[in-house]
Amino acid sequence: MSEVDLEAALKALASERRLQILEWLKDPVGNFPPQEHGDPLEHGACNLFIVEKLGVSQPAGSRHLKVLVDAGLIIATRRKGWTYYRRDEAAIALLVSHIATI
């Protein structure tokens, strides 16, 4: 993870809502309803379910998700017209390791 990525990741983590999304995505099956087109373990949770659970408008929810994607903490997958999000566990582990060395 580069220094620029570290800065983006730390900024992304500076939001309680984005931290909540990361927490929910640890267990997409347990935290979101069944999905028609995307496997929650392989593809993650549908953006619609994430935004609904956050209790924010679609644009606000999409912005939170974009910040997490841009920081490299979650991965977006398009499937049949929907976008699914899952944690990037390798990137999160690398971030944790990087922070531990500071």
PDB file of N, CA and C in Angstrom:
ATOM      1  N   MET A   1       0.859  -1.173   0.000  1.00  0.00           N
ATOM      2  CA  MET A   1       0.000   0.000   0.000  1.00  0.00           C
ATOM      3  C   MET A   1       0.901   1.229   0.000  1.00  0.00           C
ATOM      4  N   SER A   2       0.700   2.126  -0.933  1.00  0.00           N
ATOM      5  CA  SER A   2       1.534   3.318  -1.032  1.00  0.00           C
ATOM      6  C   SER A   2       1.089   4.355  -0.007  1.00  0.00           C
ATOM      7  N   GLU A   3       1.897   5.389   0.153  1.00  0.00           N
ATOM      8  CA  GLU A   3       1.559   6.464   1.090  1.00  0.00           C
ATOM      9  C   GLU A   3       0.252   7.158   0.692  1.00  0.00           C
ATOM     10  N   VAL A   4       0.038   7.352  -0.598  1.00  0.00           N
ATOM     11  CA  VAL A   4      -1.195   7.983  -1.064  1.00  0.00           C
ATOM     12  C   VAL A   4      -2.386   7.098  -0.694  1.00  0.00           C
ATOM     13  N   ASP A   5      -2.238   5.810  -0.882  1.00  0.00           N
ATOM     14  CA  ASP A   5      -3.315   4.888  -0.520  1.00  0.00           C
ATOM     15  C   ASP A   5      -3.555   4.900   0.985  1.00  0.00           C
ATOM     16  N   LEU A   6      -2.486   4.984   1.768  1.00  0.00           N
ATOM     17  CA  LEU A   6      -2.627   5.036   3.225  1.00  0.00           C
ATOM     18  C   LEU A   6      -3.430   6.266   3.619  1.00  0.00           C
ATOM     19  N   GLU A   7      -3.098   7.391   3.028  1.00  0.00           N
ATOM     20  CA  GLU A   7      -3.830   8.615   3.342  1.00  0.00           C
ATOM     21  C   GLU A   7      -5.303   8.496   2.949  1.00  0.00           C
ATOM     22  N   ALA A   8      -5.575   7.969   1.764  1.00  0.00           N
ATOM     23  CA  ALA A   8      -6.963   7.794   1.315  1.00  0.00           C
ATOM     24  C   ALA A   8      -7.710   6.829   2.227  1.00  0.00           C
ATOM     25  N   ALA A   9      -7.041   5.755   2.638  1.00  0.00           N
ATOM     26  CA  ALA A   9      -7.685   4.770   3.514  1.00  0.00           C
ATOM     27  C   ALA A   9      -8.011   5.389   4.863  1.00  0.00           C
ATOM     28  N   LEU A  10      -7.086   6.145   5.419  1.00  0.00           N
ATOM     29  CA  LEU A  10      -7.337   6.764   6.725  1.00  0.00           C
ATOM     30  C   LEU A  10      -8.464   7.787   6.635  1.00  0.00           C
ATOM     31  N   LYS A  11      -8.509   8.527   5.541  1.00  0.00           N
ATOM     32  CA  LYS A  11      -9.616   9.477   5.357  1.00  0.00           C
ATOM     33  C   LYS A  11     -10.941   8.727   5.213  1.00  0.00           C
ATOM     34  N   ALA A  12     -10.916   7.604   4.506  1.00  0.00           N
ATOM     35  CA  ALA A  12     -12.137   6.810   4.331  1.00  0.00           C
ATOM     36  C   ALA A  12     -12.626   6.271   5.669  1.00  0.00           C
ATOM     37  N   LEU A  13     -11.696   5.913   6.532  1.00  0.00           N
ATOM     38  CA  LEU A  13     -12.056   5.354   7.836  1.00  0.00           C
ATOM     39  C   LEU A  13     -12.490   6.419   8.846  1.00  0.00           C
ATOM     40  N   ALA A  14     -12.394   7.678   8.463  1.00  0.00           N
ATOM     41  CA  ALA A  14     -12.750   8.777   9.357  1.00  0.00           C
ATOM     42  C   ALA A  14     -14.254   9.068   9.355  1.00  0.00           C
ATOM     43  N   SER A  15     -15.050   8.121   8.907  1.00  0.00           N
ATOM     44  CA  SER A  15     -16.506   8.281   8.876  1.00  0.00           C
ATOM     45  C   SER A  15     -17.161   7.097   9.574  1.00  0.00           C
ATOM     46  N   GLU A  16     -18.017   7.394  10.529  1.00  0.00           N
ATOM     47  CA  GLU A  16     -18.718   6.323  11.250  1.00  0.00           C
ATOM     48  C   GLU A  16     -19.576   5.487  10.300  1.00  0.00           C
ATOM     49  N   ARG A  17     -20.167   6.119   9.306  1.00  0.00           N
ATOM     50  CA  ARG A  17     -20.999   5.377   8.348  1.00  0.00           C
ATOM     51  C   ARG A  17     -20.154   4.421   7.508  1.00  0.00           C
ATOM     52  N   ARG A  18     -18.983   4.874   7.076  1.00  0.00           N
ATOM     53  CA  ARG A  18     -18.121   3.988   6.283  1.00  0.00           C
ATOM     54  C   ARG A  18     -17.570   2.850   7.139  1.00  0.00           C
ATOM     55  N   LEU A  19     -17.274   3.131   8.392  1.00  0.00           N
ATOM     56  CA  LEU A  19     -16.858   2.058   9.300  1.00  0.00           C
ATOM     57  C   LEU A  19     -17.990   1.052   9.468  1.00  0.00           C
ATOM     58  N   GLN A  20     -19.225   1.541   9.542  1.00  0.00           N
ATOM     59  CA  GLN A  20     -20.378   0.652   9.674  1.00  0.00           C
ATOM     60  C   GLN A  20     -20.526  -0.232   8.446  1.00  0.00           C
ATOM     61  N   ILE A  21     -20.344   0.329   7.268  1.00  0.00           N
ATOM     62  CA  ILE A  21     -20.409  -0.464   6.033  1.00  0.00           C
ATOM     63  C   ILE A  21     -19.367  -1.578   6.071  1.00  0.00           C
ATOM     64  N   LEU A  22     -18.132  -1.240   6.442  1.00  0.00           N
ATOM     65  CA  LEU A  22     -17.082  -2.262   6.524  1.00  0.00           C
ATOM     66  C   LEU A  22     -17.452  -3.356   7.521  1.00  0.00           C
ATOM     67  N   GLU A  23     -18.048  -2.969   8.626  1.00  0.00           N
ATOM     68  CA  GLU A  23     -18.475  -3.958   9.631  1.00  0.00           C
ATOM     69  C   GLU A  23     -19.559  -4.867   9.061  1.00  0.00           C
ATOM     70  N   TRP A  24     -20.564  -4.293   8.422  1.00  0.00           N
ATOM     71  CA  TRP A  24     -21.644  -5.099   7.837  1.00  0.00           C
ATOM     72  C   TRP A  24     -21.114  -6.060   6.781  1.00  0.00           C
ATOM     73  N   LEU A  25     -20.141  -5.597   5.993  1.00  0.00           N
ATOM     74  CA  LEU A  25     -19.628  -6.433   4.907  1.00  0.00           C
ATOM     75  C   LEU A  25     -18.773  -7.596   5.404  1.00  0.00           C
ATOM     76  N   LYS A  26     -18.432  -7.622   6.688  1.00  0.00           N
ATOM     77  CA  LYS A  26     -17.756  -8.797   7.248  1.00  0.00           C
ATOM     78  C   LYS A  26     -18.660 -10.018   7.148  1.00  0.00           C
ATOM     79  N   ASP A  27     -19.977  -9.784   7.260  1.00  0.00           N
ATOM     80  CA  ASP A  27     -20.959 -10.869   7.218  1.00  0.00           C
ATOM     81  C   ASP A  27     -22.151 -10.452   6.359  1.00  0.00           C
ATOM     82  N   PRO A  28     -21.973 -10.446   5.032  1.00  0.00           N
ATOM     83  CA  PRO A  28     -23.068  -9.980   4.167  1.00  0.00           C
ATOM     84  C   PRO A  28     -24.310 -10.859   4.249  1.00  0.00           C
ATOM     85  N   VAL A  29     -24.150 -12.148   4.484  1.00  0.00           N
ATOM     86  CA  VAL A  29     -25.309 -13.048   4.593  1.00  0.00           C
ATOM     87  C   VAL A  29     -26.138 -12.703   5.825  1.00  0.00           C
ATOM     88  N   GLY A  30     -25.465 -12.435   6.930  1.00  0.00           N
ATOM     89  CA  GLY A  30     -26.158 -12.122   8.173  1.00  0.00           C
ATOM     90  C   GLY A  30     -26.698 -10.717   8.260  1.00  0.00           C
ATOM     91  N   ASN A  31     -26.135  -9.802   7.481  1.00  0.00           N
ATOM     92  CA  ASN A  31     -26.512  -8.396   7.607  1.00  0.00           C
ATOM     93  C   ASN A  31     -27.437  -7.868   6.520  1.00  0.00           C
ATOM     94  N   PHE A  32     -27.609  -8.632   5.442  1.00  0.00           N
ATOM     95  CA  PHE A  32     -28.435  -8.151   4.333  1.00  0.00           C
ATOM     96  C   PHE A  32     -29.404  -9.233   3.878  1.00  0.00           C
ATOM     97  N   PRO A  33     -30.524  -8.828   3.264  1.00  0.00           N
ATOM     98  CA  PRO A  33     -31.492  -9.820   2.770  1.00  0.00           C
ATOM     99  C   PRO A  33     -30.924 -10.639   1.605  1.00  0.00           C
ATOM    100  N   PRO A  34     -31.572 -11.758   1.291  1.00  0.00           N
ATOM    101  CA  PRO A  34     -31.137 -12.569   0.145  1.00  0.00           C
ATOM    102  C   PRO A  34     -31.155 -11.731  -1.142  1.00  0.00           C
ATOM    103  N   GLN A  35     -30.216 -12.032  -2.026  1.00  0.00           N
ATOM    104  CA  GLN A  35     -30.071 -11.293  -3.280  1.00  0.00           C
ATOM    105  C   GLN A  35     -30.376 -12.205  -4.452  1.00  0.00           C
ATOM    106  N   GLU A  36     -30.943 -11.602  -5.494  1.00  0.00           N
ATOM    107  CA  GLU A  36     -31.339 -12.386  -6.660  1.00  0.00           C
ATOM    108  C   GLU A  36     -30.171 -12.701  -7.588  1.00  0.00           C
ATOM    109  N   HIS A  37     -29.278 -11.743  -7.819  1.00  0.00           N
ATOM    110  CA  HIS A  37     -28.265 -11.929  -8.866  1.00  0.00           C
ATOM    111  C   HIS A  37     -26.838 -12.103  -8.373  1.00  0.00           C
ATOM    112  N   GLY A  38     -26.528 -11.678  -7.184  1.00  0.00           N
ATOM    113  CA  GLY A  38     -25.146 -11.749  -6.720  1.00  0.00           C
ATOM    114  C   GLY A  38     -25.014 -12.616  -5.491  1.00  0.00           C
ATOM    115  N   ASP A  39     -24.003 -13.461  -5.478  1.00  0.00           N
ATOM    116  CA  ASP A  39     -23.723 -14.283  -4.306  1.00  0.00           C
ATOM    117  C   ASP A  39     -23.070 -13.398  -3.243  1.00  0.00           C
ATOM    118  N   PRO A  40     -23.645 -13.334  -2.041  1.00  0.00           N
ATOM    119  CA  PRO A  40     -23.112 -12.423  -1.031  1.00  0.00           C
ATOM    120  C   PRO A  40     -21.665 -12.728  -0.629  1.00  0.00           C
ATOM    121  N   LEU A  41     -21.272 -13.988  -0.663  1.00  0.00           N
ATOM    122  CA  LEU A  41     -19.905 -14.333  -0.288  1.00  0.00           C
ATOM    123  C   LEU A  41     -18.912 -14.041  -1.407  1.00  0.00           C
ATOM    124  N   GLU A  42     -19.335 -14.245  -2.644  1.00  0.00           N
ATOM    125  CA  GLU A  42     -18.445 -14.011  -3.778  1.00  0.00           C
ATOM    126  C   GLU A  42     -18.454 -12.557  -4.241  1.00  0.00           C
ATOM    127  N   HIS A  43     -19.635 -11.954  -4.319  1.00  0.00           N
ATOM    128  CA  HIS A  43     -19.778 -10.610  -4.880  1.00  0.00           C
ATOM    129  C   HIS A  43     -19.982  -9.532  -3.822  1.00  0.00           C
ATOM    130  N   GLY A  44     -20.493  -9.905  -2.659  1.00  0.00           N
ATOM    131  CA  GLY A  44     -20.770  -8.931  -1.611  1.00  0.00           C
ATOM    132  C   GLY A  44     -22.238  -8.570  -1.566  1.00  0.00           C
ATOM    133  N   ALA A  45     -22.524  -7.428  -0.979  1.00  0.00           N
ATOM    134  CA  ALA A  45     -23.896  -6.967  -0.794  1.00  0.00           C
ATOM    135  C   ALA A  45     -24.268  -5.949  -1.873  1.00  0.00           C
ATOM    136  N   CYS A  46     -25.520  -5.978  -2.272  1.00  0.00           N
ATOM    137  CA  CYS A  46     -26.041  -5.052  -3.276  1.00  0.00           C
ATOM    138  C   CYS A  46     -26.048  -3.626  -2.720  1.00  0.00           C
ATOM    139  N   ASN A  47     -25.653  -2.676  -3.569  1.00  0.00           N
ATOM    140  CA  ASN A  47     -25.617  -1.281  -3.127  1.00  0.00           C
ATOM    141  C   ASN A  47     -26.965  -0.817  -2.591  1.00  0.00           C
ATOM    142  N   LEU A  48     -28.049  -1.285  -3.166  1.00  0.00           N
ATOM    143  CA  LEU A  48     -29.381  -0.898  -2.719  1.00  0.00           C
ATOM    144  C   LEU A  48     -29.601  -1.282  -1.252  1.00  0.00           C
ATOM    145  N   PHE A  49     -29.195  -2.483  -0.877  1.00  0.00           N
ATOM    146  CA  PHE A  49     -29.359  -2.948   0.500  1.00  0.00           C
ATOM    147  C   PHE A  49     -28.465  -2.172   1.462  1.00  0.00           C
ATOM    148  N   ILE A  50     -27.260  -1.855   1.024  1.00  0.00           N
ATOM    149  CA  ILE A  50     -26.328  -1.110   1.881  1.00  0.00           C
ATOM    150  C   ILE A  50     -26.876   0.282   2.149  1.00  0.00           C
ATOM    151  N   VAL A  51     -27.301   0.965   1.089  1.00  0.00           N
ATOM    152  CA  VAL A  51     -27.826   2.327   1.228  1.00  0.00           C
ATOM    153  C   VAL A  51     -29.083   2.328   2.096  1.00  0.00           C
ATOM    154  N   GLU A  52     -29.945   1.354   1.865  1.00  0.00           N
ATOM    155  CA  GLU A  52     -31.180   1.263   2.650  1.00  0.00           C
ATOM    156  C   GLU A  52     -30.867   1.064   4.132  1.00  0.00           C
ATOM    157  N   LYS A  53     -29.933   0.179   4.426  1.00  0.00           N
ATOM    158  CA  LYS A  53     -29.574  -0.099   5.815  1.00  0.00           C
ATOM    159  C   LYS A  53     -28.908   1.112   6.473  1.00  0.00           C
ATOM    160  N   LEU A  54     -28.146   1.872   5.680  1.00  0.00           N
ATOM    161  CA  LEU A  54     -27.518   3.090   6.214  1.00  0.00           C
ATOM    162  C   LEU A  54     -28.559   4.145   6.570  1.00  0.00           C
ATOM    163  N   GLY A  55     -29.692   4.121   5.868  1.00  0.00           N
ATOM    164  CA  GLY A  55     -30.737   5.100   6.125  1.00  0.00           C
ATOM    165  C   GLY A  55     -30.418   6.471   5.554  1.00  0.00           C
ATOM    166  N   VAL A  56     -29.721   6.475   4.421  1.00  0.00           N
ATOM    167  CA  VAL A  56     -29.364   7.738   3.764  1.00  0.00           C
ATOM    168  C   VAL A  56     -29.907   7.719   2.339  1.00  0.00           C
ATOM    169  N   SER A  57     -29.808   8.854   1.662  1.00  0.00           N
ATOM    170  CA  SER A  57     -30.255   8.927   0.275  1.00  0.00           C
ATOM    171  C   SER A  57     -29.315   8.108  -0.612  1.00  0.00           C
ATOM    172  N   GLN A  58     -29.789   7.745  -1.795  1.00  0.00           N
ATOM    173  CA  GLN A  58     -28.965   6.990  -2.736  1.00  0.00           C
ATOM    174  C   GLN A  58     -27.663   7.737  -3.070  1.00  0.00           C
ATOM    175  N   PRO A  59     -27.724   9.044  -3.362  1.00  0.00           N
ATOM    176  CA  PRO A  59     -26.467   9.748  -3.661  1.00  0.00           C
ATOM    177  C   PRO A  59     -25.484   9.741  -2.477  1.00  0.00           C
ATOM    178  N   ALA A  60     -25.991   9.914  -1.272  1.00  0.00           N
ATOM    179  CA  ALA A  60     -25.105   9.911  -0.095  1.00  0.00           C
ATOM    180  C   ALA A  60     -24.497   8.535   0.115  1.00  0.00           C
ATOM    181  N   GLY A  61     -25.309   7.492  -0.018  1.00  0.00           N
ATOM    182  CA  GLY A  61     -24.809   6.133   0.130  1.00  0.00           C
ATOM    183  C   GLY A  61     -23.776   5.795  -0.934  1.00  0.00           C
ATOM    184  N   SER A  62     -24.061   6.184  -2.165  1.00  0.00           N
ATOM    185  CA  SER A  62     -23.125   5.928  -3.259  1.00  0.00           C
ATOM    186  C   SER A  62     -21.801   6.639  -3.030  1.00  0.00           C
ATOM    187  N   ARG A  63     -21.854   7.827  -2.467  1.00  0.00           N
ATOM    188  CA  ARG A  63     -20.626   8.579  -2.172  1.00  0.00           C
ATOM    189  C   ARG A  63     -19.790   7.838  -1.130  1.00  0.00           C
ATOM    190  N   HIS A  64     -20.423   7.338  -0.075  1.00  0.00           N
ATOM    191  CA  HIS A  64     -19.695   6.581   0.951  1.00  0.00           C
ATOM    192  C   HIS A  64     -19.038   5.348   0.328  1.00  0.00           C
ATOM    193  N   LEU A  65     -19.765   4.648  -0.511  1.00  0.00           N
ATOM    194  CA  LEU A  65     -19.232   3.450  -1.152  1.00  0.00           C
ATOM    195  C   LEU A  65     -18.076   3.801  -2.089  1.00  0.00           C
ATOM    196  N   LYS A  66     -18.205   4.894  -2.827  1.00  0.00           N
ATOM    197  CA  LYS A  66     -17.137   5.319  -3.743  1.00  0.00           C
ATOM    198  C   LYS A  66     -15.859   5.653  -2.975  1.00  0.00           C
ATOM    199  N   VAL A  67     -15.989   6.321  -1.843  1.00  0.00           N
ATOM    200  CA  VAL A  67     -14.817   6.658  -1.037  1.00  0.00           C
ATOM    201  C   VAL A  67     -14.101   5.386  -0.591  1.00  0.00           C
ATOM    202  N   LEU A  68     -14.864   4.372  -0.166  1.00  0.00           N
ATOM    203  CA  LEU A  68     -14.271   3.102   0.256  1.00  0.00           C
ATOM    204  C   LEU A  68     -13.615   2.369  -0.914  1.00  0.00           C
ATOM    205  N   VAL A  69     -14.260   2.408  -2.078  1.00  0.00           N
ATOM    206  CA  VAL A  69     -13.672   1.777  -3.277  1.00  0.00           C
ATOM    207  C   VAL A  69     -12.390   2.507  -3.672  1.00  0.00           C
ATOM    208  N   ASP A  70     -12.441   3.830  -3.727  1.00  0.00           N
ATOM    209  CA  ASP A  70     -11.271   4.622  -4.123  1.00  0.00           C
ATOM    210  C   ASP A  70     -10.100   4.417  -3.164  1.00  0.00           C
ATOM    211  N   ALA A  71     -10.414   4.146  -1.894  1.00  0.00           N
ATOM    212  CA  ALA A  71      -9.364   3.905  -0.900  1.00  0.00           C
ATOM    213  C   ALA A  71      -8.840   2.473  -0.976  1.00  0.00           C
ATOM    214  N   GLY A  72      -9.494   1.633  -1.783  1.00  0.00           N
ATOM    215  CA  GLY A  72      -9.053   0.252  -1.932  1.00  0.00           C
ATOM    216  C   GLY A  72      -9.503  -0.681  -0.827  1.00  0.00           C
ATOM    217  N   LEU A  73     -10.480  -0.256  -0.019  1.00  0.00           N
ATOM    218  CA  LEU A  73     -10.926  -1.080   1.100  1.00  0.00           C
ATOM    219  C   LEU A  73     -12.062  -2.033   0.731  1.00  0.00           C
ATOM    220  N   ILE A  74     -12.821  -1.685  -0.303  1.00  0.00           N
ATOM    221  CA  ILE A  74     -13.871  -2.581  -0.787  1.00  0.00           C
ATOM    222  C   ILE A  74     -13.766  -2.693  -2.303  1.00  0.00           C
ATOM    223  N   ILE A  75     -14.357  -3.755  -2.822  1.00  0.00           N
ATOM    224  CA  ILE A  75     -14.327  -4.037  -4.256  1.00  0.00           C
ATOM    225  C   ILE A  75     -15.754  -3.986  -4.784  1.00  0.00           C
ATOM    226  N   ALA A  76     -15.952  -3.262  -5.868  1.00  0.00           N
ATOM    227  CA  ALA A  76     -17.258  -3.176  -6.521  1.00  0.00           C
ATOM    228  C   ALA A  76     -17.298  -4.161  -7.679  1.00  0.00           C
ATOM    229  N   THR A  77     -18.401  -4.901  -7.779  1.00  0.00           N
ATOM    230  CA  THR A  77     -18.608  -5.846  -8.875  1.00  0.00           C
ATOM    231  C   THR A  77     -19.964  -5.577  -9.503  1.00  0.00           C
ATOM    232  N   ARG A  78     -19.981  -5.310 -10.811  1.00  0.00           N
ATOM    233  CA  ARG A  78     -21.244  -5.101 -11.537  1.00  0.00           C
ATOM    234  C   ARG A  78     -21.777  -6.448 -11.983  1.00  0.00           C
ATOM    235  N   ARG A  79     -23.083  -6.666 -11.754  1.00  0.00           N
ATOM    236  CA  ARG A  79     -23.744  -7.901 -12.146  1.00  0.00           C
ATOM    237  C   ARG A  79     -25.195  -7.625 -12.471  1.00  0.00           C
ATOM    238  N   LYS A  80     -25.573  -7.905 -13.713  1.00  0.00           N
ATOM    239  CA  LYS A  80     -26.976  -7.775 -14.161  1.00  0.00           C
ATOM    240  C   LYS A  80     -27.597  -6.432 -13.772  1.00  0.00           C
ATOM    241  N   GLY A  81     -26.840  -5.363 -13.981  1.00  0.00           N
ATOM    242  CA  GLY A  81     -27.371  -4.023 -13.740  1.00  0.00           C
ATOM    243  C   GLY A  81     -27.253  -3.530 -12.306  1.00  0.00           C
ATOM    244  N   TRP A  82     -26.727  -4.336 -11.414  1.00  0.00           N
ATOM    245  CA  TRP A  82     -26.579  -3.955 -10.010  1.00  0.00           C
ATOM    246  C   TRP A  82     -25.100  -3.942  -9.657  1.00  0.00           C
ATOM    247  N   THR A  83     -24.763  -3.182  -8.638  1.00  0.00           N
ATOM    248  CA  THR A  83     -23.388  -3.170  -8.151  1.00  0.00           C
ATOM    249  C   THR A  83     -23.367  -3.791  -6.766  1.00  0.00           C
ATOM    250  N   TYR A  84     -22.436  -4.715  -6.582  1.00  0.00           N
ATOM    251  CA  TYR A  84     -22.258  -5.413  -5.314  1.00  0.00           C
ATOM    252  C   TYR A  84     -20.914  -5.021  -4.732  1.00  0.00           C
ATOM    253  N   TYR A  85     -20.856  -4.937  -3.412  1.00  0.00           N
ATOM    254  CA  TYR A  85     -19.629  -4.515  -2.740  1.00  0.00           C
ATOM    255  C   TYR A  85     -19.204  -5.556  -1.720  1.00  0.00           C
ATOM    256  N   ARG A  86     -17.888  -5.829  -1.704  1.00  0.00           N
ATOM    257  CA  ARG A  86     -17.334  -6.737  -0.705  1.00  0.00           C
ATOM    258  C   ARG A  86     -16.024  -6.149  -0.193  1.00  0.00           C
ATOM    259  N   ARG A  87     -15.649  -6.554   0.992  1.00  0.00           N
ATOM    260  CA  ARG A  87     -14.397  -6.093   1.580  1.00  0.00           C
ATOM    261  C   ARG A  87     -13.215  -6.650   0.804  1.00  0.00           C
ATOM    262  N   ASP A  88     -12.156  -5.885   0.722  1.00  0.00           N
ATOM    263  CA  ASP A  88     -10.894  -6.374   0.172  1.00  0.00           C
ATOM    264  C   ASP A  88     -10.031  -6.729   1.379  1.00  0.00           C
ATOM    265  N   GLU A  89     -10.155  -7.974   1.823  1.00  0.00           N
ATOM    266  CA  GLU A  89      -9.495  -8.405   3.055  1.00  0.00           C
ATOM    267  C   GLU A  89      -7.979  -8.267   2.977  1.00  0.00           C
ATOM    268  N   ALA A  90      -7.391  -8.531   1.815  1.00  0.00           N
ATOM    269  CA  ALA A  90      -5.937  -8.402   1.666  1.00  0.00           C
ATOM    270  C   ALA A  90      -5.510  -6.944   1.853  1.00  0.00           C
ATOM    271  N   ALA A  91      -6.249  -6.026   1.269  1.00  0.00           N
ATOM    272  CA  ALA A  91      -5.918  -4.600   1.397  1.00  0.00           C
ATOM    273  C   ALA A  91      -6.115  -4.127   2.829  1.00  0.00           C
ATOM    274  N   ILE A  92      -7.164  -4.606   3.489  1.00  0.00           N
ATOM    275  CA  ILE A  92      -7.409  -4.220   4.879  1.00  0.00           C
ATOM    276  C   ILE A  92      -6.293  -4.752   5.771  1.00  0.00           C
ATOM    277  N   ALA A  93      -5.873  -5.994   5.553  1.00  0.00           N
ATOM    278  CA  ALA A  93      -4.775  -6.572   6.338  1.00  0.00           C
ATOM    279  C   ALA A  93      -3.484  -5.791   6.110  1.00  0.00           C
ATOM    280  N   LEU A  94      -3.235  -5.394   4.869  1.00  0.00           N
ATOM    281  CA  LEU A  94      -2.046  -4.611   4.552  1.00  0.00           C
ATOM    282  C   LEU A  94      -2.095  -3.248   5.242  1.00  0.00           C
ATOM    283  N   LEU A  95      -3.263  -2.630   5.253  1.00  0.00           N
ATOM    284  CA  LEU A  95      -3.442  -1.349   5.934  1.00  0.00           C
ATOM    285  C   LEU A  95      -3.150  -1.501   7.416  1.00  0.00           C
ATOM    286  N   VAL A  96      -3.704  -2.515   8.046  1.00  0.00           N
ATOM    287  CA  VAL A  96      -3.480  -2.756   9.472  1.00  0.00           C
ATOM    288  C   VAL A  96      -1.993  -2.942   9.748  1.00  0.00           C
ATOM    289  N   SER A  97      -1.341  -3.713   8.903  1.00  0.00           N
ATOM    290  CA  SER A  97       0.091  -3.940   9.057  1.00  0.00           C
ATOM    291  C   SER A  97       0.891  -2.646   8.897  1.00  0.00           C
ATOM    292  N   HIS A  98       0.476  -1.860   7.906  1.00  0.00           N
ATOM    293  CA  HIS A  98       1.155  -0.587   7.638  1.00  0.00           C
ATOM    294  C   HIS A  98       1.003   0.360   8.825  1.00  0.00           C
ATOM    295  N   ILE A  99      -0.199   0.418   9.390  1.00  0.00           N
ATOM    296  CA  ILE A  99      -0.456   1.297  10.536  1.00  0.00           C
ATOM    297  C   ILE A  99       0.368   0.834  11.734  1.00  0.00           C
ATOM    298  N   ALA A 100       0.511  -0.456  11.915  1.00  0.00           N
ATOM    299  CA  ALA A 100       1.268  -1.000  13.049  1.00  0.00           C
ATOM    300  C   ALA A 100       2.737  -0.581  13.007  1.00  0.00           C
ATOM    301  N   THR A 101       3.250  -0.256  11.818  1.00  0.00           N
ATOM    302  CA  THR A 101       4.655   0.128  11.722  1.00  0.00           C
ATOM    303  C   THR A 101       4.880   1.623  11.941  1.00  0.00           C
ATOM    304  N   ILE A 102       3.808   2.366  12.036  1.00  0.00           N
ATOM    305  CA  ILE A 102       3.946   3.831  12.201  1.00  0.00           C
ATOM    306  C   ILE A 102       4.260   4.166  13.651  1.00  0.00           C
TER     307      ILE A 102
END
